[in-house]
Amino acid sequence: MPAFFLHGVPDTGALWDHVRSHLARTDVLAPSMPGFGTSRPDGFDATKEAYAEWLEREVEAIGEPVDIVGHDWGSILVQRLVGTRPDLIRTWAVGSGPCDKQYVWHDMAQLWQTPDVGEQVMEGMTPDAIASFFVDELGADAATAMASRVDETMKRSVLSLYRSAITVGAEWEDDVIKGASTRPGLAIWGANDAYVPTDVARRLGERTGARVVIWDDAAHHWPVSHAERAARELEQLWNSVA
């Protein structure tokens, strides 16, 4: 049974390269979502429903339950999948992405969700601006690499995704609690996450029985900044059900 990793915004499957380099296993899939470093299929509207359906098809096609891992929007979509299709999941691990009725979207998300304002914000998201924003957390090389992958297709996809998800917690949380509680889970969070507070992680653990790991010295992009530590936590989860 392979491990399936899903990235968030504004990332691609390359987000997981650092974690993968520290894993003992090699049966790892980390695709990029449509529109994130890839083209968008005809008719794909980049809503949360479209991405949830895409993820379900991708995992179902594997033909056996997977160890699934998600960060940021990948976290939200993984929670949706384990909530509605736990039969496709052996274990699940998420971080830095909320599927929570009590969560209030962060300031940047609210700008993206606002017509016209979101488009103006995206115009200002040049490669230099993105790299400068993330350099303190990721380091120069990783921040520059991330920024280089943000193109116009990704920007349009981000706007569509966030505008479809204003009430995602109210829509999806109940299913998450029901389905995720039937599979071994893990929530990894950085205490210094500027977008999703650790209260979200704690509530997720309380509601699903997932083990919660919070790192005091980590922020939002722990798959890059704390890759080796993340790999060890994931292996502990997988080995617990081996």
C-alpha atoms as a PDB file:
ATOM      1  CA  MET A   1       0.000   0.000   0.000  1.00  0.00           C
ATOM      2  CA  PRO A   2       1.636   3.254  -1.095  1.00  0.00           C
ATOM      3  CA  ALA A   3       1.844   6.575   0.697  1.00  0.00           C
ATOM      4  CA  PHE A   4       0.015   9.416  -1.032  1.00  0.00           C
ATOM      5  CA  PHE A   5       1.087  12.999  -0.286  1.00  0.00           C
ATOM      6  CA  LEU A   6      -0.963  16.067  -1.201  1.00  0.00           C
ATOM      7  CA  HIS A   7       0.323  19.647  -1.169  1.00  0.00           C
ATOM      8  CA  GLY A   8      -1.472  22.932  -0.582  1.00  0.00           C
ATOM      9  CA  VAL A   9      -1.290  26.581  -1.676  1.00  0.00           C
ATOM     10  CA  PRO A  10       0.826  27.956  -3.319  1.00  0.00           C
ATOM     11  CA  ASP A  11       2.713  24.697  -3.741  1.00  0.00           C
ATOM     12  CA  THR A  12       3.053  21.654  -5.966  1.00  0.00           C
ATOM     13  CA  GLY A  13       3.961  18.050  -5.293  1.00  0.00           C
ATOM     14  CA  ALA A  14       7.567  19.242  -4.939  1.00  0.00           C
ATOM     15  CA  LEU A  15       6.648  20.447  -1.437  1.00  0.00           C
ATOM     16  CA  TRP A  16       7.184  16.892  -0.205  1.00  0.00           C
ATOM     17  CA  ASP A  17      10.650  16.341  -1.711  1.00  0.00           C
ATOM     18  CA  HIS A  18      12.362  17.121   1.599  1.00  0.00           C
ATOM     19  CA  VAL A  19      10.185  14.740   3.623  1.00  0.00           C
ATOM     20  CA  ARG A  20      10.485  11.996   1.006  1.00  0.00           C
ATOM     21  CA  SER A  21      14.272  12.177   1.160  1.00  0.00           C
ATOM     22  CA  HIS A  22      14.125  11.131   4.824  1.00  0.00           C
ATOM     23  CA  LEU A  23      11.688   8.223   4.446  1.00  0.00           C
ATOM     24  CA  ALA A  24      12.760   4.609   4.429  1.00  0.00           C
ATOM     25  CA  ARG A  25       9.922   3.653   2.101  1.00  0.00           C
ATOM     26  CA  THR A  26       9.984   4.350  -1.627  1.00  0.00           C
ATOM     27  CA  ASP A  27       6.364   3.588  -2.502  1.00  0.00           C
ATOM     28  CA  VAL A  28       5.429   7.269  -2.343  1.00  0.00           C
ATOM     29  CA  LEU A  29       3.200   9.265  -4.664  1.00  0.00           C
ATOM     30  CA  ALA A  30       3.108  13.075  -4.510  1.00  0.00           C
ATOM     31  CA  PRO A  31       1.178  14.406  -7.504  1.00  0.00           C
ATOM     32  CA  SER A  32       0.497  18.048  -8.205  1.00  0.00           C
ATOM     33  CA  MET A  33      -3.151  19.048  -8.204  1.00  0.00           C
ATOM     34  CA  PRO A  34      -4.676  20.274 -11.471  1.00  0.00           C
ATOM     35  CA  GLY A  35      -3.657  23.872 -12.039  1.00  0.00           C
ATOM     36  CA  PHE A  36      -0.747  23.732  -9.600  1.00  0.00           C
ATOM     37  CA  GLY A  37       2.293  23.362 -11.791  1.00  0.00           C
ATOM     38  CA  THR A  38       0.094  21.421 -14.203  1.00  0.00           C
ATOM     39  CA  SER A  39      -2.611  22.246 -16.707  1.00  0.00           C
ATOM     40  CA  ARG A  40      -6.280  22.164 -15.778  1.00  0.00           C
ATOM     41  CA  PRO A  41      -8.425  19.675 -17.719  1.00  0.00           C
ATOM     42  CA  ASP A  42     -11.202  21.085 -19.863  1.00  0.00           C
ATOM     43  CA  GLY A  43     -14.231  21.783 -17.718  1.00  0.00           C
ATOM     44  CA  PHE A  44     -12.315  21.615 -14.436  1.00  0.00           C
ATOM     45  CA  ASP A  45     -13.587  24.564 -12.387  1.00  0.00           C
ATOM     46  CA  ALA A  46     -11.038  24.364  -9.546  1.00  0.00           C
ATOM     47  CA  THR A  47     -13.612  24.384  -6.770  1.00  0.00           C
ATOM     48  CA  LYS A  48     -13.197  22.439  -3.556  1.00  0.00           C
ATOM     49  CA  GLU A  49     -15.683  19.883  -4.876  1.00  0.00           C
ATOM     50  CA  ALA A  50     -13.706  19.461  -8.086  1.00  0.00           C
ATOM     51  CA  TYR A  51     -10.480  18.900  -6.180  1.00  0.00           C
ATOM     52  CA  ALA A  52     -12.154  16.517  -3.736  1.00  0.00           C
ATOM     53  CA  GLU A  53     -13.507  14.467  -6.641  1.00  0.00           C
ATOM     54  CA  TRP A  54     -10.097  14.511  -8.333  1.00  0.00           C
ATOM     55  CA  LEU A  55      -8.413  13.245  -5.170  1.00  0.00           C
ATOM     56  CA  GLU A  56     -10.970  10.479  -4.712  1.00  0.00           C
ATOM     57  CA  ARG A  57     -10.400   9.284  -8.280  1.00  0.00           C
ATOM     58  CA  GLU A  58      -6.616   9.380  -7.883  1.00  0.00           C
ATOM     59  CA  VAL A  59      -6.637   7.345  -4.679  1.00  0.00           C
ATOM     60  CA  GLU A  60      -9.350   4.942  -5.823  1.00  0.00           C
ATOM     61  CA  ALA A  61      -7.316   4.148  -8.940  1.00  0.00           C
ATOM     62  CA  ILE A  62      -4.462   2.848  -6.775  1.00  0.00           C
ATOM     63  CA  GLY A  63      -6.587  -0.155  -5.937  1.00  0.00           C
ATOM     64  CA  GLU A  64      -5.707  -0.551  -2.254  1.00  0.00           C
ATOM     65  CA  PRO A  65      -5.922   1.571   0.912  1.00  0.00           C
ATOM     66  CA  VAL A  66      -3.199   4.201   1.180  1.00  0.00           C
ATOM     67  CA  ASP A  67      -1.321   6.048   3.894  1.00  0.00           C
ATOM     68  CA  ILE A  68      -2.429   9.569   2.986  1.00  0.00           C
ATOM     69  CA  VAL A  69      -0.756  12.816   4.037  1.00  0.00           C
ATOM     70  CA  GLY A  70      -1.893  16.386   3.394  1.00  0.00           C
ATOM     71  CA  HIS A  71      -0.607  19.889   4.104  1.00  0.00           C
ATOM     72  CA  ASP A  72      -2.522  23.180   3.935  1.00  0.00           C
ATOM     73  CA  TRP A  73      -5.255  22.679   1.319  1.00  0.00           C
ATOM     74  CA  GLY A  74      -4.016  19.127   0.942  1.00  0.00           C
ATOM     75  CA  SER A  75      -4.923  18.731   4.618  1.00  0.00           C
ATOM     76  CA  ILE A  76      -8.480  19.917   4.005  1.00  0.00           C
ATOM     77  CA  LEU A  77      -8.939  17.620   1.025  1.00  0.00           C
ATOM     78  CA  VAL A  78      -7.442  14.635   2.850  1.00  0.00           C
ATOM     79  CA  GLN A  79      -9.857  15.226   5.711  1.00  0.00           C
ATOM     80  CA  ARG A  80     -12.707  15.300   3.221  1.00  0.00           C
ATOM     81  CA  LEU A  81     -11.610  12.026   1.647  1.00  0.00           C
ATOM     82  CA  VAL A  82     -11.148  10.125   4.896  1.00  0.00           C
ATOM     83  CA  GLY A  83     -14.470  11.550   6.034  1.00  0.00           C
ATOM     84  CA  THR A  84     -16.412  10.290   3.036  1.00  0.00           C
ATOM     85  CA  ARG A  85     -14.319   7.331   1.819  1.00  0.00           C
ATOM     86  CA  PRO A  86     -12.476   5.802   4.781  1.00  0.00           C
ATOM     87  CA  ASP A  87     -12.412   2.541   2.848  1.00  0.00           C
ATOM     88  CA  LEU A  88      -9.680   4.098   0.673  1.00  0.00           C
ATOM     89  CA  ILE A  89      -7.494   4.983   3.658  1.00  0.00           C
ATOM     90  CA  ARG A  90      -5.222   2.919   5.929  1.00  0.00           C
ATOM     91  CA  THR A  91      -3.838   5.888   7.895  1.00  0.00           C
ATOM     92  CA  TRP A  92      -4.140   9.643   7.535  1.00  0.00           C
ATOM     93  CA  ALA A  93      -1.910  12.535   8.549  1.00  0.00           C
ATOM     94  CA  VAL A  94      -2.613  16.222   8.067  1.00  0.00           C
ATOM     95  CA  GLY A  95      -1.301  19.600   9.068  1.00  0.00           C
ATOM     96  CA  SER A  96      -1.814  23.328   8.691  1.00  0.00           C
ATOM     97  CA  GLY A  97      -5.204  23.065   7.011  1.00  0.00           C
ATOM     98  CA  PRO A  98      -8.618  23.409   8.689  1.00  0.00           C
ATOM     99  CA  CYS A  99     -11.865  21.589   8.150  1.00  0.00           C
ATOM    100  CA  ASP A 100     -13.395  23.140  11.233  1.00  0.00           C
ATOM    101  CA  LYS A 101     -16.644  25.019  11.839  1.00  0.00           C
ATOM    102  CA  GLN A 102     -15.005  27.357  14.352  1.00  0.00           C
ATOM    103  CA  TYR A 103     -12.148  28.384  12.085  1.00  0.00           C
ATOM    104  CA  VAL A 104     -12.137  31.901  10.597  1.00  0.00           C
ATOM    105  CA  TRP A 105     -10.229  32.258   7.332  1.00  0.00           C
ATOM    106  CA  HIS A 106      -6.950  34.161   7.596  1.00  0.00           C
ATOM    107  CA  ASP A 107      -6.612  37.654   6.151  1.00  0.00           C
ATOM    108  CA  MET A 108      -5.029  36.649   2.843  1.00  0.00           C
ATOM    109  CA  ALA A 109      -7.694  34.010   2.245  1.00  0.00           C
ATOM    110  CA  GLN A 110     -10.399  36.597   2.812  1.00  0.00           C
ATOM    111  CA  LEU A 111      -8.774  38.889   0.262  1.00  0.00           C
ATOM    112  CA  TRP A 112      -8.628  36.058  -2.281  1.00  0.00           C
ATOM    113  CA  GLN A 113     -12.274  35.287  -1.598  1.00  0.00           C
ATOM    114  CA  THR A 114     -13.295  38.852  -2.460  1.00  0.00           C
ATOM    115  CA  PRO A 115     -14.038  39.459  -6.168  1.00  0.00           C
ATOM    116  CA  ASP A 116     -11.733  42.009  -7.842  1.00  0.00           C
ATOM    117  CA  VAL A 117      -9.685  42.396  -4.655  1.00  0.00           C
ATOM    118  CA  GLY A 118      -8.352  38.867  -5.021  1.00  0.00           C
ATOM    119  CA  GLU A 119      -7.314  39.533  -8.605  1.00  0.00           C
ATOM    120  CA  GLN A 120      -5.463  42.676  -7.531  1.00  0.00           C
ATOM    121  CA  VAL A 121      -3.636  40.745  -4.830  1.00  0.00           C
ATOM    122  CA  MET A 122      -2.611  38.109  -7.340  1.00  0.00           C
ATOM    123  CA  GLU A 123      -1.164  40.758  -9.639  1.00  0.00           C
ATOM    124  CA  GLY A 124       1.193  41.722  -6.843  1.00  0.00           C
ATOM    125  CA  MET A 125       2.307  38.140  -6.269  1.00  0.00           C
ATOM    126  CA  THR A 126       5.406  38.314  -8.442  1.00  0.00           C
ATOM    127  CA  PRO A 127       8.163  35.708  -8.061  1.00  0.00           C
ATOM    128  CA  ASP A 128      10.310  38.207  -6.162  1.00  0.00           C
ATOM    129  CA  ALA A 129       7.455  39.156  -3.843  1.00  0.00           C
ATOM    130  CA  ILE A 130       6.600  35.527  -3.083  1.00  0.00           C
ATOM    131  CA  ALA A 131      10.203  34.547  -2.461  1.00  0.00           C
ATOM    132  CA  SER A 132      10.725  37.531  -0.181  1.00  0.00           C
ATOM    133  CA  PHE A 133       7.587  36.681   1.802  1.00  0.00           C
ATOM    134  CA  PHE A 134       8.625  33.074   2.483  1.00  0.00           C
ATOM    135  CA  VAL A 135      12.403  33.414   2.753  1.00  0.00           C
ATOM    136  CA  ASP A 136      12.566  33.680   6.543  1.00  0.00           C
ATOM    137  CA  GLU A 137      10.636  30.449   7.040  1.00  0.00           C
ATOM    138  CA  LEU A 138      11.932  28.402   4.100  1.00  0.00           C
ATOM    139  CA  GLY A 139      15.358  29.780   3.329  1.00  0.00           C
ATOM    140  CA  ALA A 140      16.368  31.448   0.085  1.00  0.00           C
ATOM    141  CA  ASP A 141      16.629  28.355  -2.124  1.00  0.00           C
ATOM    142  CA  ALA A 142      13.293  26.806  -1.143  1.00  0.00           C
ATOM    143  CA  ALA A 143      11.477  30.155  -1.232  1.00  0.00           C
ATOM    144  CA  THR A 144      12.805  30.931  -4.701  1.00  0.00           C
ATOM    145  CA  ALA A 145      11.892  27.464  -5.954  1.00  0.00           C
ATOM    146  CA  MET A 146       8.346  27.814  -4.618  1.00  0.00           C
ATOM    147  CA  ALA A 147       7.939  31.250  -6.179  1.00  0.00           C
ATOM    148  CA  SER A 148       9.136  30.010  -9.564  1.00  0.00           C
ATOM    149  CA  ARG A 149       6.235  27.565  -9.751  1.00  0.00           C
ATOM    150  CA  VAL A 150       3.477  30.123  -9.168  1.00  0.00           C
ATOM    151  CA  ASP A 151       2.042  30.940 -12.597  1.00  0.00           C
ATOM    152  CA  GLU A 152      -1.192  32.475 -13.855  1.00  0.00           C
ATOM    153  CA  THR A 153      -2.957  29.111 -13.947  1.00  0.00           C
ATOM    154  CA  MET A 154      -2.130  28.525 -10.300  1.00  0.00           C
ATOM    155  CA  LYS A 155      -3.305  31.999  -9.347  1.00  0.00           C
ATOM    156  CA  ARG A 156      -6.674  31.478 -11.046  1.00  0.00           C
ATOM    157  CA  SER A 157      -6.984  28.064  -9.428  1.00  0.00           C
ATOM    158  CA  VAL A 158      -6.275  29.493  -5.981  1.00  0.00           C
ATOM    159  CA  LEU A 159      -8.976  32.125  -6.378  1.00  0.00           C
ATOM    160  CA  SER A 160     -11.555  29.579  -7.535  1.00  0.00           C
ATOM    161  CA  LEU A 161     -10.652  27.186  -4.746  1.00  0.00           C
ATOM    162  CA  TYR A 162     -10.860  29.738  -1.947  1.00  0.00           C
ATOM    163  CA  ARG A 163     -14.068  31.303  -3.236  1.00  0.00           C
ATOM    164  CA  SER A 164     -15.738  27.899  -3.218  1.00  0.00           C
ATOM    165  CA  ALA A 165     -14.642  27.274   0.360  1.00  0.00           C
ATOM    166  CA  ILE A 166     -15.933  30.177   2.442  1.00  0.00           C
ATOM    167  CA  THR A 167     -18.060  27.772   4.523  1.00  0.00           C
ATOM    168  CA  VAL A 168     -16.034  24.586   4.046  1.00  0.00           C
ATOM    169  CA  GLY A 169     -15.900  23.847   7.758  1.00  0.00           C
ATOM    170  CA  ALA A 170     -19.662  23.985   8.146  1.00  0.00           C
ATOM    171  CA  GLU A 171     -20.094  21.849   5.040  1.00  0.00           C
ATOM    172  CA  TRP A 172     -17.479  19.153   5.654  1.00  0.00           C
ATOM    173  CA  GLU A 173     -16.593  18.908   9.351  1.00  0.00           C
ATOM    174  CA  ASP A 174     -19.345  16.484  10.370  1.00  0.00           C
ATOM    175  CA  ASP A 175     -18.266  13.949   7.756  1.00  0.00           C
ATOM    176  CA  VAL A 176     -14.630  14.366   8.791  1.00  0.00           C
ATOM    177  CA  ILE A 177     -15.402  13.522  12.403  1.00  0.00           C
ATOM    178  CA  LYS A 178     -17.473  10.499  11.411  1.00  0.00           C
ATOM    179  CA  GLY A 179     -15.037   8.978   8.919  1.00  0.00           C
ATOM    180  CA  ALA A 180     -11.639  10.026  10.250  1.00  0.00           C
ATOM    181  CA  SER A 181     -12.379   8.564  13.666  1.00  0.00           C
ATOM    182  CA  THR A 182     -12.430   5.099  12.081  1.00  0.00           C
ATOM    183  CA  ARG A 183      -8.811   5.265  10.882  1.00  0.00           C
ATOM    184  CA  PRO A 184      -5.504   5.949  12.687  1.00  0.00           C
ATOM    185  CA  GLY A 185      -4.680   9.635  12.306  1.00  0.00           C
ATOM    186  CA  LEU A 186      -2.001  12.213  13.007  1.00  0.00           C
ATOM    187  CA  ALA A 187      -2.115  16.019  13.070  1.00  0.00           C
ATOM    188  CA  ILE A 188       1.197  17.884  12.756  1.00  0.00           C
ATOM    189  CA  TRP A 189       1.198  21.632  13.421  1.00  0.00           C
ATOM    190  CA  GLY A 190       3.621  24.456  13.928  1.00  0.00           C
ATOM    191  CA  ALA A 191       2.932  26.596  16.976  1.00  0.00           C
ATOM    192  CA  ASN A 192       3.929  29.655  14.935  1.00  0.00           C
ATOM    193  CA  ASP A 193       1.561  28.968  12.032  1.00  0.00           C
ATOM    194  CA  ALA A 194       0.308  32.384  10.924  1.00  0.00           C
ATOM    195  CA  TYR A 195      -2.691  30.974   9.059  1.00  0.00           C
ATOM    196  CA  VAL A 196      -4.165  28.110  11.084  1.00  0.00           C
ATOM    197  CA  PRO A 197      -3.848  28.187  14.892  1.00  0.00           C
ATOM    198  CA  THR A 198      -3.038  25.122  16.930  1.00  0.00           C
ATOM    199  CA  ASP A 199      -6.532  25.117  18.435  1.00  0.00           C
ATOM    200  CA  VAL A 200      -7.667  23.623  15.125  1.00  0.00           C
ATOM    201  CA  ALA A 201      -5.238  20.731  15.548  1.00  0.00           C
ATOM    202  CA  ARG A 202      -6.317  20.111  19.113  1.00  0.00           C
ATOM    203  CA  ARG A 203      -9.998  20.065  18.191  1.00  0.00           C
ATOM    204  CA  LEU A 204      -9.284  17.678  15.333  1.00  0.00           C
ATOM    205  CA  GLY A 205      -7.508  15.334  17.707  1.00  0.00           C
ATOM    206  CA  GLU A 206     -10.283  15.496  20.268  1.00  0.00           C
ATOM    207  CA  ARG A 207     -12.977  14.836  17.682  1.00  0.00           C
ATOM    208  CA  THR A 208     -11.294  12.027  15.750  1.00  0.00           C
ATOM    209  CA  GLY A 209      -8.850  10.405  18.167  1.00  0.00           C
ATOM    210  CA  ALA A 210      -5.874  11.446  16.044  1.00  0.00           C
ATOM    211  CA  ARG A 211      -2.518  11.935  17.739  1.00  0.00           C
ATOM    212  CA  VAL A 212      -1.577  15.629  17.780  1.00  0.00           C
ATOM    213  CA  VAL A 213       2.027  16.838  17.451  1.00  0.00           C
ATOM    214  CA  ILE A 214       2.739  20.551  17.854  1.00  0.00           C
ATOM    215  CA  TRP A 215       6.261  21.886  17.352  1.00  0.00           C
ATOM    216  CA  ASP A 216       7.070  25.090  19.209  1.00  0.00           C
ATOM    217  CA  ASP A 217       9.810  26.009  16.739  1.00  0.00           C
ATOM    218  CA  ALA A 218       7.798  25.434  13.549  1.00  0.00           C
ATOM    219  CA  ALA A 219       5.507  27.618  11.453  1.00  0.00           C
ATOM    220  CA  HIS A 220       3.250  26.835   8.502  1.00  0.00           C
ATOM    221  CA  HIS A 221       5.640  25.105   6.116  1.00  0.00           C
ATOM    222  CA  TRP A 222       6.948  22.376   8.416  1.00  0.00           C
ATOM    223  CA  PRO A 223       7.251  19.860   5.506  1.00  0.00           C
ATOM    224  CA  VAL A 224      10.219  21.972   4.387  1.00  0.00           C
ATOM    225  CA  SER A 225      11.621  23.406   7.618  1.00  0.00           C
ATOM    226  CA  HIS A 226      11.149  20.239   9.713  1.00  0.00           C
ATOM    227  CA  ALA A 227      11.271  17.558   7.037  1.00  0.00           C
ATOM    228  CA  GLU A 228      13.300  14.931   8.889  1.00  0.00           C
ATOM    229  CA  ARG A 229      11.226  15.302  12.026  1.00  0.00           C
ATOM    230  CA  ALA A 230       8.024  15.011   9.978  1.00  0.00           C
ATOM    231  CA  ALA A 231       9.302  11.848   8.315  1.00  0.00           C
ATOM    232  CA  ARG A 232       9.924  10.239  11.708  1.00  0.00           C
ATOM    233  CA  GLU A 233       6.417  11.108  12.926  1.00  0.00           C
ATOM    234  CA  LEU A 234       4.857   9.677   9.774  1.00  0.00           C
ATOM    235  CA  GLU A 235       6.863   6.474  10.061  1.00  0.00           C
ATOM    236  CA  GLN A 236       5.737   6.108  13.656  1.00  0.00           C
ATOM    237  CA  LEU A 237       2.123   6.326  12.500  1.00  0.00           C
ATOM    238  CA  TRP A 238       2.608   3.838   9.687  1.00  0.00           C
ATOM    239  CA  ASN A 239       4.527   1.373  11.833  1.00  0.00           C
ATOM    240  CA  SER A 240       1.806   1.455  14.469  1.00  0.00           C
ATOM    241  CA  VAL A 241      -0.559  -0.346  12.092  1.00  0.00           C
ATOM    242  CA  ALA A 242       1.966  -2.447  10.182  1.00  0.00           C
END
